[in-house]
Every structure is written in structure tokens, then in C-alpha cells.
Amino acid sequence: MTGADQGFHNYLYYSRKLQNAESIREIIVWEQGKGIVNNLGALRTKPFKDWGFYNENTFEVFNWDLKTLSPVAHQWDRDEHLHNHYQRDLFKKWTNSWKDGTYKNNQEAKATLK
């Protein structure tokens, strides 16, 4: 799949097709790397660390101000280093904790802290 979701959303927004939708109160368009969703898919021409917004040691993705941690890093898997971290390290850890029951225990422990 090559994906066309962003193009569809752009069409709906810029053609004003959503303007009178009763269930949509407000639409805000943010520049890439400046809003709450940092869409990283178009930045795959070089590693994220080379762009300067990704900390390879902490696996953190920042907005372009380089101070604000991106609340949502969309298409983070386009970067080989970040993808490998999740695939090789975290996914195995999460899968094992699910199988051995520690995931459920961790969730219960977190719930008691609230």
C-alpha cells in the first residue's frame, strides 16, 4: 500500500467539503513538526537523526522547535533506527510480558497509583 490518506484529508479540507459537517466543531491545520501530530512520513529521505529532531539515545521525537516532545509521532516506523528499536527491543518485551502475565500485573499496579 502506498497510502493516500493525507491527500484525501487535504482534498476534504481545502475543497471545504467538511465546512458544514455537524459533527465537526473545528479543524486546525498545523505545519509539519509544529502541532500535536508530527507527520514524519515525508521525511524518510534521510535518517531522522540527520534532520535534527530525533534523539537516537532516548528514542524521542521532537517538534521543529527541538524543545517540545511530539505528542504523536505519526509514521515513526519510516526511520530504520526507531523502527528497529520497537521491533527488536520493545515488541519482544511487550509480547513476553503479555504471555507471562506481567503485562496485566503492571496495568493493575498502574491503576492503583491513580
PDB file of N, CA and C in Angstrom:
ATOM      1  N   MET A   1       0.842  -1.187   0.000  1.00  0.00           N
ATOM      2  CA  MET A   1       0.000   0.000   0.000  1.00  0.00           C
ATOM      3  C   MET A   1       0.882   1.244   0.000  1.00  0.00           C
ATOM      4  N   THR A   2       0.552   2.161  -0.843  1.00  0.00           N
ATOM      5  CA  THR A   2       1.325   3.393  -0.901  1.00  0.00           C
ATOM      6  C   THR A   2       0.697   4.476  -0.048  1.00  0.00           C
ATOM      7  N   GLY A   3      -0.568   4.381   0.244  1.00  0.00           N
ATOM      8  CA  GLY A   3      -1.237   5.341   1.115  1.00  0.00           C
ATOM      9  C   GLY A   3      -1.591   6.631   0.406  1.00  0.00           C
ATOM     10  N   ALA A   4      -2.789   7.083   0.661  1.00  0.00           N
ATOM     11  CA  ALA A   4      -3.242   8.348   0.084  1.00  0.00           C
ATOM     12  C   ALA A   4      -4.086   9.108   1.090  1.00  0.00           C
ATOM     13  N   ASP A   5      -4.031   8.683   2.357  1.00  0.00           N
ATOM     14  CA  ASP A   5      -4.886   9.285   3.372  1.00  0.00           C
ATOM     15  C   ASP A   5      -4.645  10.782   3.528  1.00  0.00           C
ATOM     16  N   GLN A   6      -3.388  11.200   3.514  1.00  0.00           N
ATOM     17  CA  GLN A   6      -3.098  12.625   3.673  1.00  0.00           C
ATOM     18  C   GLN A   6      -3.680  13.418   2.512  1.00  0.00           C
ATOM     19  N   GLY A   7      -3.552  12.894   1.323  1.00  0.00           N
ATOM     20  CA  GLY A   7      -4.116  13.560   0.148  1.00  0.00           C
ATOM     21  C   GLY A   7      -5.628  13.677   0.234  1.00  0.00           C
ATOM     22  N   PHE A   8      -6.286  12.626   0.709  1.00  0.00           N
ATOM     23  CA  PHE A   8      -7.745  12.673   0.872  1.00  0.00           C
ATOM     24  C   PHE A   8      -8.138  13.731   1.903  1.00  0.00           C
ATOM     25  N   HIS A   9      -7.412  13.752   2.996  1.00  0.00           N
ATOM     26  CA  HIS A   9      -7.712  14.745   4.033  1.00  0.00           C
ATOM     27  C   HIS A   9      -7.481  16.165   3.517  1.00  0.00           C
ATOM     28  N   ASN A  10      -6.399  16.360   2.792  1.00  0.00           N
ATOM     29  CA  ASN A  10      -6.130  17.686   2.212  1.00  0.00           C
ATOM     30  C   ASN A  10      -7.250  18.100   1.265  1.00  0.00           C
ATOM     31  N   TYR A  11      -7.695  17.169   0.431  1.00  0.00           N
ATOM     32  CA  TYR A  11      -8.784  17.477  -0.501  1.00  0.00           C
ATOM     33  C   TYR A  11     -10.041  17.899   0.258  1.00  0.00           C
ATOM     34  N   LEU A  12     -10.410  17.108   1.257  1.00  0.00           N
ATOM     35  CA  LEU A  12     -11.618  17.426   2.025  1.00  0.00           C
ATOM     36  C   LEU A  12     -11.511  18.785   2.702  1.00  0.00           C
ATOM     37  N   TYR A  13     -10.346  19.097   3.228  1.00  0.00           N
ATOM     38  CA  TYR A  13     -10.173  20.371   3.917  1.00  0.00           C
ATOM     39  C   TYR A  13     -10.171  21.549   2.940  1.00  0.00           C
ATOM     40  N   TYR A  14      -9.303  21.491   1.951  1.00  0.00           N
ATOM     41  CA  TYR A  14      -9.120  22.641   1.066  1.00  0.00           C
ATOM     42  C   TYR A  14     -10.289  22.848   0.092  1.00  0.00           C
ATOM     43  N   SER A  15     -11.071  21.802  -0.168  1.00  0.00           N
ATOM     44  CA  SER A  15     -12.265  21.964  -1.010  1.00  0.00           C
ATOM     45  C   SER A  15     -13.473  22.397  -0.180  1.00  0.00           C
ATOM     46  N   ARG A  16     -13.261  22.533   1.138  1.00  0.00           N
ATOM     47  CA  ARG A  16     -14.297  22.949   2.087  1.00  0.00           C
ATOM     48  C   ARG A  16     -15.475  21.963   2.165  1.00  0.00           C
ATOM     49  N   LYS A  17     -15.231  20.720   1.847  1.00  0.00           N
ATOM     50  CA  LYS A  17     -16.283  19.685   1.907  1.00  0.00           C
ATOM     51  C   LYS A  17     -16.726  19.412   3.340  1.00  0.00           C
ATOM     52  N   LEU A  18     -15.897  19.735   4.302  1.00  0.00           N
ATOM     53  CA  LEU A  18     -16.225  19.464   5.707  1.00  0.00           C
ATOM     54  C   LEU A  18     -16.806  20.673   6.429  1.00  0.00           C
ATOM     55  N   GLN A  19     -16.919  21.770   5.721  1.00  0.00           N
ATOM     56  CA  GLN A  19     -17.294  23.042   6.340  1.00  0.00           C
ATOM     57  C   GLN A  19     -18.644  22.990   7.074  1.00  0.00           C
ATOM     58  N   ASN A  20     -19.605  22.291   6.545  1.00  0.00           N
ATOM     59  CA  ASN A  20     -20.937  22.253   7.157  1.00  0.00           C
ATOM     60  C   ASN A  20     -21.245  20.938   7.867  1.00  0.00           C
ATOM     61  N   ALA A  21     -20.234  20.148   8.123  1.00  0.00           N
ATOM     62  CA  ALA A  21     -20.452  18.878   8.818  1.00  0.00           C
ATOM     63  C   ALA A  21     -20.824  19.165  10.270  1.00  0.00           C
ATOM     64  N   GLU A  22     -21.984  18.688  10.683  1.00  0.00           N
ATOM     65  CA  GLU A  22     -22.486  18.971  12.032  1.00  0.00           C
ATOM     66  C   GLU A  22     -21.613  18.357  13.127  1.00  0.00           C
ATOM     67  N   SER A  23     -20.994  17.231  12.840  1.00  0.00           N
ATOM     68  CA  SER A  23     -20.225  16.540  13.880  1.00  0.00           C
ATOM     69  C   SER A  23     -18.798  17.069  14.021  1.00  0.00           C
ATOM     70  N   ILE A  24     -18.409  18.020  13.160  1.00  0.00           N
ATOM     71  CA  ILE A  24     -17.059  18.581  13.242  1.00  0.00           C
ATOM     72  C   ILE A  24     -17.167  20.011  13.743  1.00  0.00           C
ATOM     73  N   ARG A  25     -16.626  20.240  14.919  1.00  0.00           N
ATOM     74  CA  ARG A  25     -16.692  21.572  15.523  1.00  0.00           C
ATOM     75  C   ARG A  25     -15.622  22.505  14.970  1.00  0.00           C
ATOM     76  N   GLU A  26     -14.393  21.965  14.818  1.00  0.00           N
ATOM     77  CA  GLU A  26     -13.288  22.813  14.415  1.00  0.00           C
ATOM     78  C   GLU A  26     -12.201  21.969  13.742  1.00  0.00           C
ATOM     79  N   ILE A  27     -11.565  22.530  12.741  1.00  0.00           N
ATOM     80  CA  ILE A  27     -10.423  21.888  12.094  1.00  0.00           C
ATOM     81  C   ILE A  27      -9.262  22.866  12.151  1.00  0.00           C
ATOM     82  N   ILE A  28      -8.136  22.374  12.632  1.00  0.00           N
ATOM     83  CA  ILE A  28      -6.935  23.194  12.705  1.00  0.00           C
ATOM     84  C   ILE A  28      -5.864  22.526  11.857  1.00  0.00           C
ATOM     85  N   VAL A  29      -5.271  23.278  10.960  1.00  0.00           N
ATOM     86  CA  VAL A  29      -4.189  22.763  10.131  1.00  0.00           C
ATOM     87  C   VAL A  29      -2.875  23.295  10.687  1.00  0.00           C
ATOM     88  N   TRP A  30      -2.002  22.367  11.037  1.00  0.00           N
ATOM     89  CA  TRP A  30      -0.696  22.718  11.578  1.00  0.00           C
ATOM     90  C   TRP A  30       0.367  22.397  10.546  1.00  0.00           C
ATOM     91  N   GLU A  31       1.423  23.168  10.517  1.00  0.00           N
ATOM     92  CA  GLU A  31       2.573  22.825   9.694  1.00  0.00           C
ATOM     93  C   GLU A  31       3.230  21.589  10.278  1.00  0.00           C
ATOM     94  N   GLN A  32       3.863  20.813   9.422  1.00  0.00           N
ATOM     95  CA  GLN A  32       4.544  19.602   9.861  1.00  0.00           C
ATOM     96  C   GLN A  32       5.572  19.960  10.925  1.00  0.00           C
ATOM     97  N   GLY A  33       5.531  19.205  12.035  1.00  0.00           N
ATOM     98  CA  GLY A  33       6.504  19.400  13.103  1.00  0.00           C
ATOM     99  C   GLY A  33       6.202  20.547  14.040  1.00  0.00           C
ATOM    100  N   LYS A  34       4.991  21.114  13.947  1.00  0.00           N
ATOM    101  CA  LYS A  34       4.655  22.240  14.814  1.00  0.00           C
ATOM    102  C   LYS A  34       3.372  22.018  15.611  1.00  0.00           C
ATOM    103  N   GLY A  35       2.647  20.972  15.331  1.00  0.00           N
ATOM    104  CA  GLY A  35       1.371  20.740  16.004  1.00  0.00           C
ATOM    105  C   GLY A  35       1.411  19.537  16.919  1.00  0.00           C
ATOM    106  N   ILE A  36       0.230  19.019  17.226  1.00  0.00           N
ATOM    107  CA  ILE A  36       0.156  17.881  18.144  1.00  0.00           C
ATOM    108  C   ILE A  36       0.433  16.555  17.453  1.00  0.00           C
ATOM    109  N   VAL A  37       0.279  16.497  16.118  1.00  0.00           N
ATOM    110  CA  VAL A  37       0.613  15.293  15.357  1.00  0.00           C
ATOM    111  C   VAL A  37       1.761  15.636  14.423  1.00  0.00           C
ATOM    112  N   ASN A  38       2.884  15.015  14.645  1.00  0.00           N
ATOM    113  CA  ASN A  38       4.065  15.232  13.820  1.00  0.00           C
ATOM    114  C   ASN A  38       4.103  14.135  12.768  1.00  0.00           C
ATOM    115  N   ASN A  39       3.705  14.473  11.537  1.00  0.00           N
ATOM    116  CA  ASN A  39       3.652  13.507  10.452  1.00  0.00           C
ATOM    117  C   ASN A  39       5.037  13.374   9.832  1.00  0.00           C
ATOM    118  N   LEU A  40       5.669  12.228  10.034  1.00  0.00           N
ATOM    119  CA  LEU A  40       7.074  12.034   9.680  1.00  0.00           C
ATOM    120  C   LEU A  40       7.294  11.304   8.359  1.00  0.00           C
ATOM    121  N   GLY A  41       6.221  10.851   7.728  1.00  0.00           N
ATOM    122  CA  GLY A  41       6.344  10.025   6.531  1.00  0.00           C
ATOM    123  C   GLY A  41       7.114  10.658   5.394  1.00  0.00           C
ATOM    124  N   ALA A  42       6.973  11.951   5.186  1.00  0.00           N
ATOM    125  CA  ALA A  42       7.645  12.618   4.070  1.00  0.00           C
ATOM    126  C   ALA A  42       9.130  12.867   4.354  1.00  0.00           C
ATOM    127  N   LEU A  43       9.572  12.615   5.576  1.00  0.00           N
ATOM    128  CA  LEU A  43      10.955  12.896   5.962  1.00  0.00           C
ATOM    129  C   LEU A  43      11.840  11.656   5.879  1.00  0.00           C
ATOM    130  N   ARG A  44      11.433  10.694   5.101  1.00  0.00           N
ATOM    131  CA  ARG A  44      12.191   9.441   5.032  1.00  0.00           C
ATOM    132  C   ARG A  44      13.353   9.484   4.045  1.00  0.00           C
ATOM    133  N   THR A  45      13.661  10.654   3.521  1.00  0.00           N
ATOM    134  CA  THR A  45      14.768  10.766   2.565  1.00  0.00           C
ATOM    135  C   THR A  45      16.136  10.634   3.229  1.00  0.00           C
ATOM    136  N   LYS A  46      16.169  10.772   4.553  1.00  0.00           N
ATOM    137  CA  LYS A  46      17.399  10.545   5.313  1.00  0.00           C
ATOM    138  C   LYS A  46      16.994  10.159   6.732  1.00  0.00           C
ATOM    139  N   PRO A  47      17.908   9.606   7.515  1.00  0.00           N
ATOM    140  CA  PRO A  47      17.556   9.198   8.888  1.00  0.00           C
ATOM    141  C   PRO A  47      17.037  10.380   9.712  1.00  0.00           C
ATOM    142  N   PHE A  48      16.116  10.091  10.620  1.00  0.00           N
ATOM    143  CA  PHE A  48      15.535  11.143  11.458  1.00  0.00           C
ATOM    144  C   PHE A  48      16.606  11.914  12.220  1.00  0.00           C
ATOM    145  N   LYS A  49      17.633  11.215  12.693  1.00  0.00           N
ATOM    146  CA  LYS A  49      18.686  11.908  13.463  1.00  0.00           C
ATOM    147  C   LYS A  49      19.376  12.970  12.614  1.00  0.00           C
ATOM    148  N   ASP A  50      19.472  12.732  11.303  1.00  0.00           N
ATOM    149  CA  ASP A  50      20.103  13.711  10.413  1.00  0.00           C
ATOM    150  C   ASP A  50      19.255  14.967  10.232  1.00  0.00           C
ATOM    151  N   TRP A  51      17.955  14.854  10.466  1.00  0.00           N
ATOM    152  CA  TRP A  51      17.078  16.026  10.406  1.00  0.00           C
ATOM    153  C   TRP A  51      17.248  16.891  11.651  1.00  0.00           C
ATOM    154  N   GLY A  52      17.677  16.257  12.755  1.00  0.00           N
ATOM    155  CA  GLY A  52      17.918  17.003  13.981  1.00  0.00           C
ATOM    156  C   GLY A  52      16.795  16.992  14.996  1.00  0.00           C
ATOM    157  N   PHE A  53      15.679  16.360  14.696  1.00  0.00           N
ATOM    158  CA  PHE A  53      14.547  16.361  15.630  1.00  0.00           C
ATOM    159  C   PHE A  53      14.419  15.056  16.408  1.00  0.00           C
ATOM    160  N   TYR A  54      15.309  14.115  16.178  1.00  0.00           N
ATOM    161  CA  TYR A  54      15.227  12.798  16.800  1.00  0.00           C
ATOM    162  C   TYR A  54      16.468  12.541  17.643  1.00  0.00           C
ATOM    163  N   ASN A  55      16.238  12.182  18.911  1.00  0.00           N
ATOM    164  CA  ASN A  55      17.335  11.820  19.803  1.00  0.00           C
ATOM    165  C   ASN A  55      17.500  10.304  19.755  1.00  0.00           C
ATOM    166  N   GLU A  56      18.564   9.875  19.127  1.00  0.00           N
ATOM    167  CA  GLU A  56      18.817   8.454  18.915  1.00  0.00           C
ATOM    168  C   GLU A  56      19.086   7.705  20.224  1.00  0.00           C
ATOM    169  N   ASN A  57      19.549   8.395  21.259  1.00  0.00           N
ATOM    170  CA  ASN A  57      19.864   7.748  22.537  1.00  0.00           C
ATOM    171  C   ASN A  57      18.628   7.521  23.395  1.00  0.00           C
ATOM    172  N   THR A  58      17.684   8.443  23.343  1.00  0.00           N
ATOM    173  CA  THR A  58      16.479   8.334  24.170  1.00  0.00           C
ATOM    174  C   THR A  58      15.254   7.912  23.370  1.00  0.00           C
ATOM    175  N   PHE A  59      15.401   7.822  22.041  1.00  0.00           N
ATOM    176  CA  PHE A  59      14.309   7.442  21.138  1.00  0.00           C
ATOM    177  C   PHE A  59      13.162   8.454  21.174  1.00  0.00           C
ATOM    178  N   GLU A  60      13.490   9.721  21.379  1.00  0.00           N
ATOM    179  CA  GLU A  60      12.484  10.779  21.451  1.00  0.00           C
ATOM    180  C   GLU A  60      12.416  11.549  20.128  1.00  0.00           C
ATOM    181  N   VAL A  61      11.183  11.873  19.725  1.00  0.00           N
ATOM    182  CA  VAL A  61      10.948  12.671  18.527  1.00  0.00           C
ATOM    183  C   VAL A  61      10.419  14.026  18.981  1.00  0.00           C
ATOM    184  N   PHE A  62      11.049  15.081  18.508  1.00  0.00           N
ATOM    185  CA  PHE A  62      10.674  16.438  18.904  1.00  0.00           C
ATOM    186  C   PHE A  62      10.047  17.192  17.738  1.00  0.00           C
ATOM    187  N   ASN A  63       9.286  18.216  18.071  1.00  0.00           N
ATOM    188  CA  ASN A  63       8.810  19.149  17.063  1.00  0.00           C
ATOM    189  C   ASN A  63       9.984  19.998  16.613  1.00  0.00           C
ATOM    190  N   TRP A  64       9.773  20.825  15.591  1.00  0.00           N
ATOM    191  CA  TRP A  64      10.870  21.584  14.999  1.00  0.00           C
ATOM    192  C   TRP A  64      11.499  22.610  15.938  1.00  0.00           C
ATOM    193  N   ASP A  65      10.823  22.971  17.025  1.00  0.00           N
ATOM    194  CA  ASP A  65      11.458  23.886  17.988  1.00  0.00           C
ATOM    195  C   ASP A  65      12.561  23.178  18.781  1.00  0.00           C
ATOM    196  N   LEU A  66      12.633  21.854  18.635  1.00  0.00           N
ATOM    197  CA  LEU A  66      13.635  20.990  19.270  1.00  0.00           C
ATOM    198  C   LEU A  66      13.567  21.015  20.795  1.00  0.00           C
ATOM    199  N   LYS A  67      12.468  21.523  21.338  1.00  0.00           N
ATOM    200  CA  LYS A  67      12.239  21.536  22.782  1.00  0.00           C
ATOM    201  C   LYS A  67      10.991  20.738  23.143  1.00  0.00           C
ATOM    202  N   THR A  68       9.983  20.803  22.279  1.00  0.00           N
ATOM    203  CA  THR A  68       8.699  20.166  22.542  1.00  0.00           C
ATOM    204  C   THR A  68       8.703  18.735  22.031  1.00  0.00           C
ATOM    205  N   LEU A  69       8.490  17.798  22.944  1.00  0.00           N
ATOM    206  CA  LEU A  69       8.373  16.405  22.565  1.00  0.00           C
ATOM    207  C   LEU A  69       7.102  16.247  21.740  1.00  0.00           C
ATOM    208  N   SER A  70       7.181  15.604  20.596  1.00  0.00           N
ATOM    209  CA  SER A  70       5.998  15.423  19.746  1.00  0.00           C
ATOM    210  C   SER A  70       4.986  14.553  20.474  1.00  0.00           C
ATOM    211  N   PRO A  71       3.778  15.070  20.724  1.00  0.00           N
ATOM    212  CA  PRO A  71       2.770  14.251  21.407  1.00  0.00           C
ATOM    213  C   PRO A  71       2.417  12.995  20.607  1.00  0.00           C
ATOM    214  N   VAL A  72       2.327  13.127  19.279  1.00  0.00           N
ATOM    215  CA  VAL A  72       2.063  11.985  18.408  1.00  0.00           C
ATOM    216  C   VAL A  72       3.075  12.026  17.273  1.00  0.00           C
ATOM    217  N   ALA A  73       3.882  10.984  17.163  1.00  0.00           N
ATOM    218  CA  ALA A  73       4.849  10.874  16.068  1.00  0.00           C
ATOM    219  C   ALA A  73       4.269   9.883  15.060  1.00  0.00           C
ATOM    220  N   HIS A  74       3.542  10.422  14.079  1.00  0.00           N
ATOM    221  CA  HIS A  74       2.870   9.593  13.071  1.00  0.00           C
ATOM    222  C   HIS A  74       3.876   9.120  12.037  1.00  0.00           C
ATOM    223  N   GLN A  75       3.823   7.851  11.708  1.00  0.00           N
ATOM    224  CA  GLN A  75       4.705   7.202  10.744  1.00  0.00           C
ATOM    225  C   GLN A  75       6.166   7.183  11.223  1.00  0.00           C
ATOM    226  N   TRP A  76       6.334   7.000  12.524  1.00  0.00           N
ATOM    227  CA  TRP A  76       7.656   6.884  13.126  1.00  0.00           C
ATOM    228  C   TRP A  76       8.415   5.691  12.555  1.00  0.00           C
ATOM    229  N   ASP A  77       7.678   4.693  12.063  1.00  0.00           N
ATOM    230  CA  ASP A  77       8.312   3.471  11.572  1.00  0.00           C
ATOM    231  C   ASP A  77       9.051   3.663  10.251  1.00  0.00           C
ATOM    232  N   ARG A  78       9.020   4.865   9.684  1.00  0.00           N
ATOM    233  CA  ARG A  78       9.750   5.144   8.441  1.00  0.00           C
ATOM    234  C   ARG A  78      11.248   5.302   8.692  1.00  0.00           C
ATOM    235  N   ASP A  79      11.628   5.423   9.955  1.00  0.00           N
ATOM    236  CA  ASP A  79      13.044   5.556  10.311  1.00  0.00           C
ATOM    237  C   ASP A  79      13.578   4.202  10.756  1.00  0.00           C
ATOM    238  N   GLU A  80      14.661   3.760  10.143  1.00  0.00           N
ATOM    239  CA  GLU A  80      15.207   2.434  10.424  1.00  0.00           C
ATOM    240  C   GLU A  80      15.608   2.265  11.894  1.00  0.00           C
ATOM    241  N   HIS A  81      16.279   3.253  12.476  1.00  0.00           N
ATOM    242  CA  HIS A  81      16.742   3.143  13.856  1.00  0.00           C
ATOM    243  C   HIS A  81      15.558   3.039  14.830  1.00  0.00           C
ATOM    244  N   LEU A  82      14.592   3.912  14.681  1.00  0.00           N
ATOM    245  CA  LEU A  82      13.431   3.910  15.573  1.00  0.00           C
ATOM    246  C   LEU A  82      12.582   2.659  15.360  1.00  0.00           C
ATOM    247  N   HIS A  83      12.396   2.275  14.115  1.00  0.00           N
ATOM    248  CA  HIS A  83      11.629   1.062  13.807  1.00  0.00           C
ATOM    249  C   HIS A  83      12.292  -0.170  14.420  1.00  0.00           C
ATOM    250  N   ASN A  84      13.605  -0.273  14.266  1.00  0.00           N
ATOM    251  CA  ASN A  84      14.319  -1.426  14.817  1.00  0.00           C
ATOM    252  C   ASN A  84      14.230  -1.472  16.340  1.00  0.00           C
ATOM    253  N   HIS A  85      14.267  -0.320  16.984  1.00  0.00           N
ATOM    254  CA  HIS A  85      14.142  -0.281  18.442  1.00  0.00           C
ATOM    255  C   HIS A  85      12.805  -0.882  18.880  1.00  0.00           C
ATOM    256  N   TYR A  86      11.739  -0.469  18.234  1.00  0.00           N
ATOM    257  CA  TYR A  86      10.434  -1.018  18.590  1.00  0.00           C
ATOM    258  C   TYR A  86      10.324  -2.489  18.223  1.00  0.00           C
ATOM    259  N   GLN A  87      10.771  -2.832  17.016  1.00  0.00           N
ATOM    260  CA  GLN A  87      10.629  -4.203  16.528  1.00  0.00           C
ATOM    261  C   GLN A  87      11.502  -5.180  17.287  1.00  0.00           C
ATOM    262  N   ARG A  88      12.762  -4.836  17.496  1.00  0.00           N
ATOM    263  CA  ARG A  88      13.708  -5.764  18.132  1.00  0.00           C
ATOM    264  C   ARG A  88      13.619  -5.773  19.649  1.00  0.00           C
ATOM    265  N   ASP A  89      13.438  -4.594  20.237  1.00  0.00           N
ATOM    266  CA  ASP A  89      13.515  -4.485  21.693  1.00  0.00           C
ATOM    267  C   ASP A  89      12.139  -4.462  22.360  1.00  0.00           C
ATOM    268  N   LEU A  90      11.380  -3.435  22.077  1.00  0.00           N
ATOM    269  CA  LEU A  90      10.131  -3.228  22.804  1.00  0.00           C
ATOM    270  C   LEU A  90       9.057  -4.247  22.471  1.00  0.00           C
ATOM    271  N   PHE A  91       8.905  -4.591  21.204  1.00  0.00           N
ATOM    272  CA  PHE A  91       7.857  -5.537  20.837  1.00  0.00           C
ATOM    273  C   PHE A  91       8.059  -6.876  21.525  1.00  0.00           C
ATOM    274  N   LYS A  92       9.296  -7.363  21.548  1.00  0.00           N
ATOM    275  CA  LYS A  92       9.589  -8.634  22.224  1.00  0.00           C
ATOM    276  C   LYS A  92       9.289  -8.525  23.720  1.00  0.00           C
ATOM    277  N   LYS A  93       9.675  -7.401  24.312  1.00  0.00           N
ATOM    278  CA  LYS A  93       9.436  -7.194  25.745  1.00  0.00           C
ATOM    279  C   LYS A  93       7.932  -7.187  26.035  1.00  0.00           C
ATOM    280  N   TRP A  94       7.168  -6.460  25.228  1.00  0.00           N
ATOM    281  CA  TRP A  94       5.718  -6.388  25.420  1.00  0.00           C
ATOM    282  C   TRP A  94       5.066  -7.756  25.191  1.00  0.00           C
ATOM    283  N   THR A  95       5.512  -8.457  24.156  1.00  0.00           N
ATOM    284  CA  THR A  95       4.946  -9.779  23.857  1.00  0.00           C
ATOM    285  C   THR A  95       5.213 -10.743  25.002  1.00  0.00           C
ATOM    286  N   ASN A  96       6.437 -10.756  25.496  1.00  0.00           N
ATOM    287  CA  ASN A  96       6.781 -11.650  26.610  1.00  0.00           C
ATOM    288  C   ASN A  96       5.996 -11.305  27.865  1.00  0.00           C
ATOM    289  N   SER A  97       5.834 -10.009  28.153  1.00  0.00           N
ATOM    290  CA  SER A  97       5.095  -9.628  29.356  1.00  0.00           C
ATOM    291  C   SER A  97       3.615  -9.977  29.214  1.00  0.00           C
ATOM    292  N   TRP A  98       3.121  -9.971  27.992  1.00  0.00           N
ATOM    293  CA  TRP A  98       1.724 -10.372  27.771  1.00  0.00           C
ATOM    294  C   TRP A  98       1.581 -11.877  28.012  1.00  0.00           C
ATOM    295  N   LYS A  99       2.534 -12.642  27.492  1.00  0.00           N
ATOM    296  CA  LYS A  99       2.479 -14.098  27.628  1.00  0.00           C
ATOM    297  C   LYS A  99       2.654 -14.550  29.074  1.00  0.00           C
ATOM    298  N   ASP A 100       3.563 -13.916  29.811  1.00  0.00           N
ATOM    299  CA  ASP A 100       3.822 -14.378  31.181  1.00  0.00           C
ATOM    300  C   ASP A 100       2.945 -13.703  32.232  1.00  0.00           C
ATOM    301  N   GLY A 101       2.070 -12.810  31.791  1.00  0.00           N
ATOM    302  CA  GLY A 101       1.114 -12.204  32.710  1.00  0.00           C
ATOM    303  C   GLY A 101       1.594 -10.948  33.411  1.00  0.00           C
ATOM    304  N   THR A 102       2.845 -10.587  33.247  1.00  0.00           N
ATOM    305  CA  THR A 102       3.336  -9.387  33.929  1.00  0.00           C
ATOM    306  C   THR A 102       2.728  -8.115  33.342  1.00  0.00           C
ATOM    307  N   TYR A 103       2.279  -8.167  32.078  1.00  0.00           N
ATOM    308  CA  TYR A 103       1.619  -7.002  31.475  1.00  0.00           C
ATOM    309  C   TYR A 103       0.366  -6.657  32.265  1.00  0.00           C
ATOM    310  N   LYS A 104      -0.452  -7.671  32.546  1.00  0.00           N
ATOM    311  CA  LYS A 104      -1.686  -7.447  33.301  1.00  0.00           C
ATOM    312  C   LYS A 104      -1.362  -6.922  34.695  1.00  0.00           C
ATOM    313  N   ASN A 105      -0.368  -7.509  35.341  1.00  0.00           N
ATOM    314  CA  ASN A 105       0.012  -7.057  36.680  1.00  0.00           C
ATOM    315  C   ASN A 105       0.504  -5.622  36.654  1.00  0.00           C
ATOM    316  N   ASN A 106       1.270  -5.262  35.631  1.00  0.00           N
ATOM    317  CA  ASN A 106       1.751  -3.894  35.514  1.00  0.00           C
ATOM    318  C   ASN A 106       0.587  -2.930  35.334  1.00  0.00           C
ATOM    319  N   GLN A 107      -0.419  -3.317  34.554  1.00  0.00           N
ATOM    320  CA  GLN A 107      -1.578  -2.469  34.339  1.00  0.00           C
ATOM    321  C   GLN A 107      -2.359  -2.287  35.644  1.00  0.00           C
ATOM    322  N   GLU A 108      -2.495  -3.362  36.411  1.00  0.00           N
ATOM    323  CA  GLU A 108      -3.188  -3.283  37.689  1.00  0.00           C
ATOM    324  C   GLU A 108      -2.424  -2.380  38.666  1.00  0.00           C
ATOM    325  N   ALA A 109      -1.101  -2.491  38.662  1.00  0.00           N
ATOM    326  CA  ALA A 109      -0.278  -1.668  39.542  1.00  0.00           C
ATOM    327  C   ALA A 109      -0.411  -0.190  39.150  1.00  0.00           C
ATOM    328  N   LYS A 110      -0.415   0.086  37.879  1.00  0.00           N
ATOM    329  CA  LYS A 110      -0.562   1.466  37.418  1.00  0.00           C
ATOM    330  C   LYS A 110      -1.922   2.039  37.817  1.00  0.00           C
ATOM    331  N   ALA A 111      -2.953   1.206  37.736  1.00  0.00           N
ATOM    332  CA  ALA A 111      -4.303   1.666  38.066  1.00  0.00           C
ATOM    333  C   ALA A 111      -4.408   2.032  39.537  1.00  0.00           C
ATOM    334  N   THR A 112      -3.679   1.342  40.404  1.00  0.00           N
ATOM    335  CA  THR A 112      -3.746   1.634  41.833  1.00  0.00           C
ATOM    336  C   THR A 112      -3.042   2.944  42.189  1.00  0.00           C
ATOM    337  N   LEU A 113      -2.151   3.404  41.313  1.00  0.00           N
ATOM    338  CA  LEU A 113      -1.444   4.641  41.577  1.00  0.00           C
ATOM    339  C   LEU A 113      -2.282   5.888  41.311  1.00  0.00           C
ATOM    340  N   LYS A 114      -3.380   5.718  40.573  1.00  0.00           N
ATOM    341  CA  LYS A 114      -4.201   6.865  40.192  1.00  0.00           C
ATOM    342  C   LYS A 114      -5.062   7.348  41.332  1.00  0.00           C
TER     343      LYS A 114
END
